[in-house]
Amino acid sequence: MQVGLFIIGDEILSGKRQDSHLAKFIELLSARGMQLGWAQYLGDDRELLTARLREAFAGGDLVVSCGGIGATPDDHTRQAAAAALGRPLALHPEARELIWQRVQQMAAEQGATADPDHPDTLRRFQMGVFPDGAGLVPNPYNKIPGFFVGNVHFLPGFPVMAHPMMAWVLDRYPQLHRQLGILERSLIVQGAMEASLTPLMEAIEARFMGVKVFSLPSVDHPRWGRCIELGVKLEAPSALATDALTPAYDALKQGVIQFGASISTEMVR
């Protein structure tokens, strides 16, 4: 099971809003020994959303989707989820109660009396209309919940709401939490082309089981100019990772030296 993230909203694609979900989600995953497998940015296009969500429901990954679950005409995520599932939309009774509690709270703060039949209240209830059979994702900020069907979870776009809800989702899957870390060791290489170092990288991965080699070239690094960050990484308990990674790193470093390239610095993460 991979972990995937949808970030939905025309305002993200147009640049009117800057996304903060991706970085926060990676942070929350890392704290649980998990990694992000994929992420996609999508606009408020119901047909496109339906197609992507149909794939997500069928794919078996743990998926979090942020944005588009409001009740205004530019929100399409709830409807797309229902279409992808082939299920009707229905007002979730528990969601209705939570929304009603929020309406009453807001009315009390204004010194007014809440009316369950007021047009504004009825429109707010629309935020609890989810695909039939959905479960709820609690919202600690204002009680108005998100929802989930299977392993696909739908959260609002507001970071102040979505980020604690992301944590709740990840904690539904304790079996995916791992007491593992990803250890990296790398060096800055100058005087070599990435293509020329590829045979060395392939040889390291073939020789050291579980070790992955990475290459991050730069043409205008602010410190090293044209260079390649060349390194090895391994996912394992930290003590074991250090013992297992050291021989692979030493072999990589020796290979670079034998190639004739220069090493500017070495790094450990």
C-alpha atoms as a PDB file:
ATOM      1  CA  MET A   1       0.000   0.000   0.000  1.00  0.00           C
ATOM      2  CA  GLN A   2       1.442   3.337  -1.066  1.00  0.00           C
ATOM      3  CA  VAL A   3       0.358   6.687   0.358  1.00  0.00           C
ATOM      4  CA  GLY A   4      -1.000   9.257  -2.084  1.00  0.00           C
ATOM      5  CA  LEU A   5      -2.126  12.882  -1.870  1.00  0.00           C
ATOM      6  CA  PHE A   6      -4.573  14.838  -4.016  1.00  0.00           C
ATOM      7  CA  ILE A   7      -4.475  18.638  -3.676  1.00  0.00           C
ATOM      8  CA  ILE A   8      -7.552  20.076  -5.335  1.00  0.00           C
ATOM      9  CA  GLY A   9      -8.424  23.612  -6.309  1.00  0.00           C
ATOM     10  CA  ASP A  10      -8.201  26.016  -9.221  1.00  0.00           C
ATOM     11  CA  GLU A  11      -6.746  28.572  -6.824  1.00  0.00           C
ATOM     12  CA  ILE A  12      -3.649  26.391  -6.362  1.00  0.00           C
ATOM     13  CA  LEU A  13      -3.132  25.876 -10.086  1.00  0.00           C
ATOM     14  CA  SER A  14      -3.613  29.575 -10.847  1.00  0.00           C
ATOM     15  CA  GLY A  15      -1.214  30.687  -8.121  1.00  0.00           C
ATOM     16  CA  LYS A  16      -3.817  32.617  -6.119  1.00  0.00           C
ATOM     17  CA  ARG A  17      -3.087  30.363  -3.154  1.00  0.00           C
ATOM     18  CA  GLN A  18       0.180  28.662  -2.253  1.00  0.00           C
ATOM     19  CA  ASP A  19      -0.017  25.002  -1.321  1.00  0.00           C
ATOM     20  CA  SER A  20       1.097  24.047   2.189  1.00  0.00           C
ATOM     21  CA  HIS A  21      -0.446  20.555   2.258  1.00  0.00           C
ATOM     22  CA  LEU A  22       2.355  18.668   0.518  1.00  0.00           C
ATOM     23  CA  ALA A  23       5.133  19.711   2.907  1.00  0.00           C
ATOM     24  CA  LYS A  24       2.957  19.156   5.993  1.00  0.00           C
ATOM     25  CA  PHE A  25       1.804  15.740   4.826  1.00  0.00           C
ATOM     26  CA  ILE A  26       5.392  14.641   4.222  1.00  0.00           C
ATOM     27  CA  GLU A  27       6.267  15.870   7.727  1.00  0.00           C
ATOM     28  CA  LEU A  28       3.383  13.917   9.304  1.00  0.00           C
ATOM     29  CA  LEU A  29       4.307  10.790   7.352  1.00  0.00           C
ATOM     30  CA  SER A  30       7.958  11.049   8.343  1.00  0.00           C
ATOM     31  CA  ALA A  31       7.024  11.284  12.020  1.00  0.00           C
ATOM     32  CA  ARG A  32       5.339   7.898  11.633  1.00  0.00           C
ATOM     33  CA  GLY A  33       8.111   6.246   9.664  1.00  0.00           C
ATOM     34  CA  MET A  34       6.087   6.495   6.453  1.00  0.00           C
ATOM     35  CA  GLN A  35       6.779   7.917   3.001  1.00  0.00           C
ATOM     36  CA  LEU A  36       4.716   9.640   0.347  1.00  0.00           C
ATOM     37  CA  GLY A  37       4.356   7.485  -2.752  1.00  0.00           C
ATOM     38  CA  TRP A  38       2.757  10.053  -5.059  1.00  0.00           C
ATOM     39  CA  ALA A  39       0.971  13.411  -5.169  1.00  0.00           C
ATOM     40  CA  GLN A  40      -1.201  15.145  -7.748  1.00  0.00           C
ATOM     41  CA  TYR A  41      -2.515  18.694  -8.108  1.00  0.00           C
ATOM     42  CA  LEU A  42      -5.977  18.816  -9.682  1.00  0.00           C
ATOM     43  CA  GLY A  43      -8.311  21.639 -10.651  1.00  0.00           C
ATOM     44  CA  ASP A  44     -12.005  21.902  -9.833  1.00  0.00           C
ATOM     45  CA  ASP A  45     -13.013  19.853 -12.871  1.00  0.00           C
ATOM     46  CA  ARG A  46     -15.697  17.312 -12.022  1.00  0.00           C
ATOM     47  CA  GLU A  47     -15.010  15.005 -14.945  1.00  0.00           C
ATOM     48  CA  LEU A  48     -11.275  14.919 -14.261  1.00  0.00           C
ATOM     49  CA  LEU A  49     -11.820  14.463 -10.521  1.00  0.00           C
ATOM     50  CA  THR A  50     -14.209  11.587 -11.135  1.00  0.00           C
ATOM     51  CA  ALA A  51     -11.665   9.804 -13.306  1.00  0.00           C
ATOM     52  CA  ARG A  52      -8.804  10.256 -10.811  1.00  0.00           C
ATOM     53  CA  LEU A  53     -10.943   9.247  -7.852  1.00  0.00           C
ATOM     54  CA  ARG A  54     -12.228   6.164  -9.648  1.00  0.00           C
ATOM     55  CA  GLU A  55      -8.596   5.096 -10.030  1.00  0.00           C
ATOM     56  CA  ALA A  56      -7.924   5.857  -6.370  1.00  0.00           C
ATOM     57  CA  PHE A  57     -10.884   3.813  -5.105  1.00  0.00           C
ATOM     58  CA  ALA A  58      -9.831   0.888  -7.272  1.00  0.00           C
ATOM     59  CA  GLY A  59      -6.119   1.157  -6.567  1.00  0.00           C
ATOM     60  CA  GLY A  60      -5.873   0.171  -2.916  1.00  0.00           C
ATOM     61  CA  ASP A  61      -3.528   2.976  -1.815  1.00  0.00           C
ATOM     62  CA  LEU A  62      -4.045   5.048   1.301  1.00  0.00           C
ATOM     63  CA  VAL A  63      -5.150   8.374  -0.195  1.00  0.00           C
ATOM     64  CA  VAL A  64      -5.785  11.795   1.314  1.00  0.00           C
ATOM     65  CA  SER A  65      -7.579  14.427  -0.764  1.00  0.00           C
ATOM     66  CA  CYS A  66      -7.574  18.094   0.300  1.00  0.00           C
ATOM     67  CA  GLY A  67     -10.016  20.631  -1.075  1.00  0.00           C
ATOM     68  CA  GLY A  68     -13.297  20.985  -2.920  1.00  0.00           C
ATOM     69  CA  ILE A  69     -15.668  19.478  -0.334  1.00  0.00           C
ATOM     70  CA  GLY A  70     -17.567  22.680   0.397  1.00  0.00           C
ATOM     71  CA  ALA A  71     -21.101  23.414  -0.771  1.00  0.00           C
ATOM     72  CA  THR A  72     -20.525  26.252  -3.235  1.00  0.00           C
ATOM     73  CA  PRO A  73     -20.888  25.832  -7.008  1.00  0.00           C
ATOM     74  CA  ASP A  74     -17.109  25.698  -7.546  1.00  0.00           C
ATOM     75  CA  ASP A  75     -16.713  22.670  -5.242  1.00  0.00           C
ATOM     76  CA  HIS A  76     -16.993  19.342  -7.048  1.00  0.00           C
ATOM     77  CA  THR A  77     -15.096  16.792  -4.970  1.00  0.00           C
ATOM     78  CA  ARG A  78     -18.051  15.271  -3.112  1.00  0.00           C
ATOM     79  CA  GLN A  79     -20.040  14.867  -6.305  1.00  0.00           C
ATOM     80  CA  ALA A  80     -17.041  13.432  -8.151  1.00  0.00           C
ATOM     81  CA  ALA A  81     -16.436  10.919  -5.355  1.00  0.00           C
ATOM     82  CA  ALA A  82     -20.044   9.744  -5.521  1.00  0.00           C
ATOM     83  CA  ALA A  83     -19.870   9.445  -9.308  1.00  0.00           C
ATOM     84  CA  ALA A  84     -16.596   7.515  -9.087  1.00  0.00           C
ATOM     85  CA  LEU A  85     -18.181   5.084  -6.640  1.00  0.00           C
ATOM     86  CA  GLY A  86     -21.504   4.844  -8.455  1.00  0.00           C
ATOM     87  CA  ARG A  87     -23.306   5.777  -5.242  1.00  0.00           C
ATOM     88  CA  PRO A  88     -25.907   8.442  -4.466  1.00  0.00           C
ATOM     89  CA  LEU A  89     -25.156  11.436  -2.299  1.00  0.00           C
ATOM     90  CA  ALA A  90     -26.968  11.562   1.034  1.00  0.00           C
ATOM     91  CA  LEU A  91     -26.962  13.763   4.124  1.00  0.00           C
ATOM     92  CA  HIS A  92     -24.963  11.889   6.744  1.00  0.00           C
ATOM     93  CA  PRO A  93     -26.989  11.977   9.993  1.00  0.00           C
ATOM     94  CA  GLU A  94     -23.961  12.354  12.258  1.00  0.00           C
ATOM     95  CA  ALA A  95     -22.511  15.035  10.003  1.00  0.00           C
ATOM     96  CA  ARG A  96     -25.836  16.873  10.127  1.00  0.00           C
ATOM     97  CA  GLU A  97     -25.755  16.824  13.921  1.00  0.00           C
ATOM     98  CA  LEU A  98     -22.189  18.137  14.028  1.00  0.00           C
ATOM     99  CA  ILE A  99     -23.042  20.918  11.584  1.00  0.00           C
ATOM    100  CA  TRP A 100     -26.139  21.781  13.603  1.00  0.00           C
ATOM    101  CA  GLN A 101     -23.998  22.035  16.746  1.00  0.00           C
ATOM    102  CA  ARG A 102     -21.725  24.428  14.901  1.00  0.00           C
ATOM    103  CA  VAL A 103     -24.681  26.510  13.696  1.00  0.00           C
ATOM    104  CA  GLN A 104     -26.037  26.743  17.249  1.00  0.00           C
ATOM    105  CA  GLN A 105     -22.627  27.737  18.569  1.00  0.00           C
ATOM    106  CA  MET A 106     -22.282  30.501  15.983  1.00  0.00           C
ATOM    107  CA  ALA A 107     -25.790  31.766  16.724  1.00  0.00           C
ATOM    108  CA  ALA A 108     -25.101  31.836  20.470  1.00  0.00           C
ATOM    109  CA  GLU A 109     -21.910  33.838  19.892  1.00  0.00           C
ATOM    110  CA  GLN A 110     -23.983  36.409  18.013  1.00  0.00           C
ATOM    111  CA  GLY A 111     -26.779  36.482  20.615  1.00  0.00           C
ATOM    112  CA  ALA A 112     -29.243  34.932  18.144  1.00  0.00           C
ATOM    113  CA  THR A 113     -31.343  31.757  17.999  1.00  0.00           C
ATOM    114  CA  ALA A 114     -30.457  29.060  15.499  1.00  0.00           C
ATOM    115  CA  ASP A 115     -33.166  27.946  13.077  1.00  0.00           C
ATOM    116  CA  PRO A 116     -32.763  24.465  11.513  1.00  0.00           C
ATOM    117  CA  ASP A 117     -35.053  25.444   8.638  1.00  0.00           C
ATOM    118  CA  HIS A 118     -33.382  28.745   7.779  1.00  0.00           C
ATOM    119  CA  PRO A 119     -32.028  28.770   4.192  1.00  0.00           C
ATOM    120  CA  ASP A 120     -28.504  29.461   5.460  1.00  0.00           C
ATOM    121  CA  THR A 121     -28.709  26.471   7.803  1.00  0.00           C
ATOM    122  CA  LEU A 122     -29.992  24.236   5.029  1.00  0.00           C
ATOM    123  CA  ARG A 123     -27.087  25.307   2.840  1.00  0.00           C
ATOM    124  CA  ARG A 124     -24.661  24.504   5.654  1.00  0.00           C
ATOM    125  CA  PHE A 125     -26.198  21.032   5.943  1.00  0.00           C
ATOM    126  CA  GLN A 126     -25.080  20.463   2.354  1.00  0.00           C
ATOM    127  CA  MET A 127     -21.528  20.219   3.674  1.00  0.00           C
ATOM    128  CA  GLY A 128     -22.596  16.945   5.288  1.00  0.00           C
ATOM    129  CA  VAL A 129     -23.862  15.415   2.047  1.00  0.00           C
ATOM    130  CA  PHE A 130     -21.479  12.584   1.226  1.00  0.00           C
ATOM    131  CA  PRO A 131     -21.499   9.406  -0.889  1.00  0.00           C
ATOM    132  CA  ASP A 132     -23.836   6.888   0.686  1.00  0.00           C
ATOM    133  CA  GLY A 133     -22.044   4.731   3.257  1.00  0.00           C
ATOM    134  CA  ALA A 134     -19.177   7.149   3.909  1.00  0.00           C
ATOM    135  CA  GLY A 135     -17.487   7.408   7.297  1.00  0.00           C
ATOM    136  CA  LEU A 136     -16.539  10.690   8.950  1.00  0.00           C
ATOM    137  CA  VAL A 137     -13.172  12.350   9.460  1.00  0.00           C
ATOM    138  CA  PRO A 138     -13.465  14.566  12.563  1.00  0.00           C
ATOM    139  CA  ASN A 139     -12.608  18.238  12.247  1.00  0.00           C
ATOM    140  CA  PRO A 140     -11.247  19.625  15.533  1.00  0.00           C
ATOM    141  CA  TYR A 141     -11.315  23.201  14.256  1.00  0.00           C
ATOM    142  CA  ASN A 142     -15.034  23.768  13.645  1.00  0.00           C
ATOM    143  CA  LYS A 143     -16.678  20.302  13.881  1.00  0.00           C
ATOM    144  CA  ILE A 144     -17.689  20.210  10.192  1.00  0.00           C
ATOM    145  CA  PRO A 145     -16.344  16.798   9.193  1.00  0.00           C
ATOM    146  CA  GLY A 146     -14.619  15.376   6.189  1.00  0.00           C
ATOM    147  CA  PHE A 147     -15.408  11.871   5.010  1.00  0.00           C
ATOM    148  CA  PHE A 148     -13.831   8.665   3.807  1.00  0.00           C
ATOM    149  CA  VAL A 149     -14.808   5.638   1.774  1.00  0.00           C
ATOM    150  CA  GLY A 150     -12.447   2.702   2.052  1.00  0.00           C
ATOM    151  CA  ASN A 151      -8.880   4.004   2.090  1.00  0.00           C
ATOM    152  CA  VAL A 152      -9.679   7.310   0.349  1.00  0.00           C
ATOM    153  CA  HIS A 153     -10.156  10.270   2.685  1.00  0.00           C
ATOM    154  CA  PHE A 154     -11.548  13.717   1.868  1.00  0.00           C
ATOM    155  CA  LEU A 155     -10.550  16.808   3.846  1.00  0.00           C
ATOM    156  CA  PRO A 156     -11.228  20.526   3.465  1.00  0.00           C
ATOM    157  CA  GLY A 157      -8.713  22.749   1.748  1.00  0.00           C
ATOM    158  CA  PHE A 158      -8.089  25.045   4.733  1.00  0.00           C
ATOM    159  CA  PRO A 159      -4.714  24.050   6.247  1.00  0.00           C
ATOM    160  CA  VAL A 160      -5.826  24.879   9.804  1.00  0.00           C
ATOM    161  CA  MET A 161      -8.478  22.180   9.432  1.00  0.00           C
ATOM    162  CA  ALA A 162      -6.826  19.761   7.038  1.00  0.00           C
ATOM    163  CA  HIS A 163      -3.519  19.274   8.819  1.00  0.00           C
ATOM    164  CA  PRO A 164      -4.840  17.847  12.115  1.00  0.00           C
ATOM    165  CA  MET A 165      -7.309  15.799  10.074  1.00  0.00           C
ATOM    166  CA  MET A 166      -4.386  14.366   8.085  1.00  0.00           C
ATOM    167  CA  ALA A 167      -2.833  13.210  11.352  1.00  0.00           C
ATOM    168  CA  TRP A 168      -6.106  11.530  12.353  1.00  0.00           C
ATOM    169  CA  VAL A 169      -6.204   9.683   9.028  1.00  0.00           C
ATOM    170  CA  LEU A 170      -2.629   8.422   9.341  1.00  0.00           C
ATOM    171  CA  ASP A 171      -3.288   7.240  12.877  1.00  0.00           C
ATOM    172  CA  ARG A 172      -6.090   5.031  11.547  1.00  0.00           C
ATOM    173  CA  TYR A 173      -3.322   2.907  10.034  1.00  0.00           C
ATOM    174  CA  PRO A 174      -0.935   2.033  12.892  1.00  0.00           C
ATOM    175  CA  GLN A 175       0.097  -1.077  10.985  1.00  0.00           C
ATOM    176  CA  LEU A 176       1.805   1.205   8.455  1.00  0.00           C
ATOM    177  CA  HIS A 177       3.803   3.088  11.084  1.00  0.00           C
ATOM    178  CA  ARG A 178       7.385   1.910  11.195  1.00  0.00           C
ATOM    179  CA  GLN A 179      10.219   2.525  13.593  1.00  0.00           C
ATOM    180  CA  LEU A 180      12.500   3.041  10.654  1.00  0.00           C
ATOM    181  CA  GLY A 181      14.546   5.873   9.321  1.00  0.00           C
ATOM    182  CA  ILE A 182      16.074   6.699   5.974  1.00  0.00           C
ATOM    183  CA  LEU A 183      19.764   7.349   6.322  1.00  0.00           C
ATOM    184  CA  GLU A 184      21.581   9.145   3.521  1.00  0.00           C
ATOM    185  CA  ARG A 185      25.248   9.763   2.853  1.00  0.00           C
ATOM    186  CA  SER A 186      26.258  11.791  -0.147  1.00  0.00           C
ATOM    187  CA  LEU A 187      29.070  13.806  -1.642  1.00  0.00           C
ATOM    188  CA  ILE A 188      29.296  16.766  -3.972  1.00  0.00           C
ATOM    189  CA  VAL A 189      31.041  15.730  -7.173  1.00  0.00           C
ATOM    190  CA  GLN A 190      32.578  18.171  -9.636  1.00  0.00           C
ATOM    191  CA  GLY A 191      34.287  17.423 -12.919  1.00  0.00           C
ATOM    192  CA  ALA A 192      32.024  14.548 -13.996  1.00  0.00           C
ATOM    193  CA  MET A 193      28.889  14.103 -16.053  1.00  0.00           C
ATOM    194  CA  GLU A 194      25.925  12.215 -14.653  1.00  0.00           C
ATOM    195  CA  ALA A 195      25.868   9.803 -17.602  1.00  0.00           C
ATOM    196  CA  SER A 196      29.503   8.882 -17.010  1.00  0.00           C
ATOM    197  CA  LEU A 197      28.787   7.988 -13.380  1.00  0.00           C
ATOM    198  CA  THR A 198      25.750   5.833 -14.185  1.00  0.00           C
ATOM    199  CA  PRO A 199      27.725   2.550 -14.444  1.00  0.00           C
ATOM    200  CA  LEU A 200      29.170   3.189 -10.978  1.00  0.00           C
ATOM    201  CA  MET A 201      25.694   3.846  -9.577  1.00  0.00           C
ATOM    202  CA  GLU A 202      24.331   0.659 -11.124  1.00  0.00           C
ATOM    203  CA  ALA A 203      27.232  -1.356  -9.746  1.00  0.00           C
ATOM    204  CA  ILE A 204      26.656  -0.053  -6.199  1.00  0.00           C
ATOM    205  CA  GLU A 205      22.960  -0.972  -6.248  1.00  0.00           C
ATOM    206  CA  ALA A 206      23.757  -4.434  -7.636  1.00  0.00           C
ATOM    207  CA  ARG A 207      26.448  -5.057  -5.012  1.00  0.00           C
ATOM    208  CA  PHE A 208      24.690  -3.760  -1.861  1.00  0.00           C
ATOM    209  CA  MET A 209      21.205  -5.168  -1.323  1.00  0.00           C
ATOM    210  CA  GLY A 210      18.590  -2.645  -0.225  1.00  0.00           C
ATOM    211  CA  VAL A 211      20.791   0.369  -0.908  1.00  0.00           C
ATOM    212  CA  LYS A 212      19.508   2.964  -3.351  1.00  0.00           C
ATOM    213  CA  VAL A 213      21.800   5.341  -5.199  1.00  0.00           C
ATOM    214  CA  PHE A 214      20.627   8.860  -6.052  1.00  0.00           C
ATOM    215  CA  SER A 215      21.982  11.611  -8.256  1.00  0.00           C
ATOM    216  CA  LEU A 216      20.928  15.264  -8.063  1.00  0.00           C
ATOM    217  CA  PRO A 217      22.698  17.365 -10.689  1.00  0.00           C
ATOM    218  CA  SER A 218      22.882  21.165 -10.550  1.00  0.00           C
ATOM    219  CA  VAL A 219      24.078  23.569 -13.213  1.00  0.00           C
ATOM    220  CA  ASP A 220      24.170  26.687 -11.025  1.00  0.00           C
ATOM    221  CA  HIS A 221      24.383  25.647  -7.375  1.00  0.00           C
ATOM    222  CA  PRO A 222      24.909  28.825  -5.268  1.00  0.00           C
ATOM    223  CA  ARG A 223      27.968  27.305  -3.563  1.00  0.00           C
ATOM    224  CA  TRP A 224      29.386  24.632  -5.868  1.00  0.00           C
ATOM    225  CA  GLY A 225      28.235  25.767  -9.309  1.00  0.00           C
ATOM    226  CA  ARG A 226      27.953  22.885 -11.778  1.00  0.00           C
ATOM    227  CA  CYS A 227      27.986  19.739  -9.663  1.00  0.00           C
ATOM    228  CA  ILE A 228      26.262  16.477  -8.791  1.00  0.00           C
ATOM    229  CA  GLU A 229      25.116  15.441  -5.348  1.00  0.00           C
ATOM    230  CA  LEU A 230      25.781  11.714  -5.526  1.00  0.00           C
ATOM    231  CA  GLY A 231      24.751   9.510  -2.648  1.00  0.00           C
ATOM    232  CA  VAL A 232      23.356   6.324  -1.188  1.00  0.00           C
ATOM    233  CA  LYS A 233      20.365   5.809   1.091  1.00  0.00           C
ATOM    234  CA  LEU A 234      18.866   2.952   3.056  1.00  0.00           C
ATOM    235  CA  GLU A 235      15.662   2.525   5.034  1.00  0.00           C
ATOM    236  CA  ALA A 236      16.239   0.598   8.257  1.00  0.00           C
ATOM    237  CA  PRO A 237      16.479   1.049  12.050  1.00  0.00           C
ATOM    238  CA  SER A 238      19.061   3.792  12.470  1.00  0.00           C
ATOM    239  CA  ALA A 239      21.859   1.684  13.993  1.00  0.00           C
ATOM    240  CA  LEU A 240      21.538  -1.027  11.366  1.00  0.00           C
ATOM    241  CA  ALA A 241      21.283   1.541   8.585  1.00  0.00           C
ATOM    242  CA  THR A 242      24.588   3.098   9.591  1.00  0.00           C
ATOM    243  CA  ASP A 243      26.383  -0.254   9.598  1.00  0.00           C
ATOM    244  CA  ALA A 244      24.846  -1.337   6.289  1.00  0.00           C
ATOM    245  CA  LEU A 245      25.263   1.965   4.476  1.00  0.00           C
ATOM    246  CA  THR A 246      28.913   2.648   5.300  1.00  0.00           C
ATOM    247  CA  PRO A 247      30.417   0.006   2.954  1.00  0.00           C
ATOM    248  CA  ALA A 248      28.170   1.156   0.098  1.00  0.00           C
ATOM    249  CA  TYR A 249      29.154   4.776   0.634  1.00  0.00           C
ATOM    250  CA  ASP A 250      32.833   3.928   0.836  1.00  0.00           C
ATOM    251  CA  ALA A 251      32.576   2.005  -2.444  1.00  0.00           C
ATOM    252  CA  LEU A 252      30.771   4.934  -4.078  1.00  0.00           C
ATOM    253  CA  LYS A 253      33.380   7.412  -2.877  1.00  0.00           C
ATOM    254  CA  GLN A 254      36.237   5.212  -4.043  1.00  0.00           C
ATOM    255  CA  GLY A 255      34.568   4.853  -7.435  1.00  0.00           C
ATOM    256  CA  VAL A 256      34.332   8.622  -7.821  1.00  0.00           C
ATOM    257  CA  ILE A 257      37.997   9.031  -6.908  1.00  0.00           C
ATOM    258  CA  GLN A 258      39.022   6.330  -9.387  1.00  0.00           C
ATOM    259  CA  PHE A 259      36.953   8.070 -12.059  1.00  0.00           C
ATOM    260  CA  GLY A 260      39.075  11.175 -11.554  1.00  0.00           C
ATOM    261  CA  ALA A 261      36.345  13.574 -10.397  1.00  0.00           C
ATOM    262  CA  SER A 262      36.813  15.941  -7.458  1.00  0.00           C
ATOM    263  CA  ILE A 263      34.805  15.764  -4.213  1.00  0.00           C
ATOM    264  CA  SER A 264      33.895  19.126  -2.701  1.00  0.00           C
ATOM    265  CA  THR A 265      32.187  18.010   0.496  1.00  0.00           C
ATOM    266  CA  GLU A 266      30.481  15.055   2.163  1.00  0.00           C
ATOM    267  CA  MET A 267      27.087  14.993   3.882  1.00  0.00           C
ATOM    268  CA  VAL A 268      25.121  12.751   6.236  1.00  0.00           C
ATOM    269  CA  ARG A 269      21.334  13.004   6.722  1.00  0.00           C
END
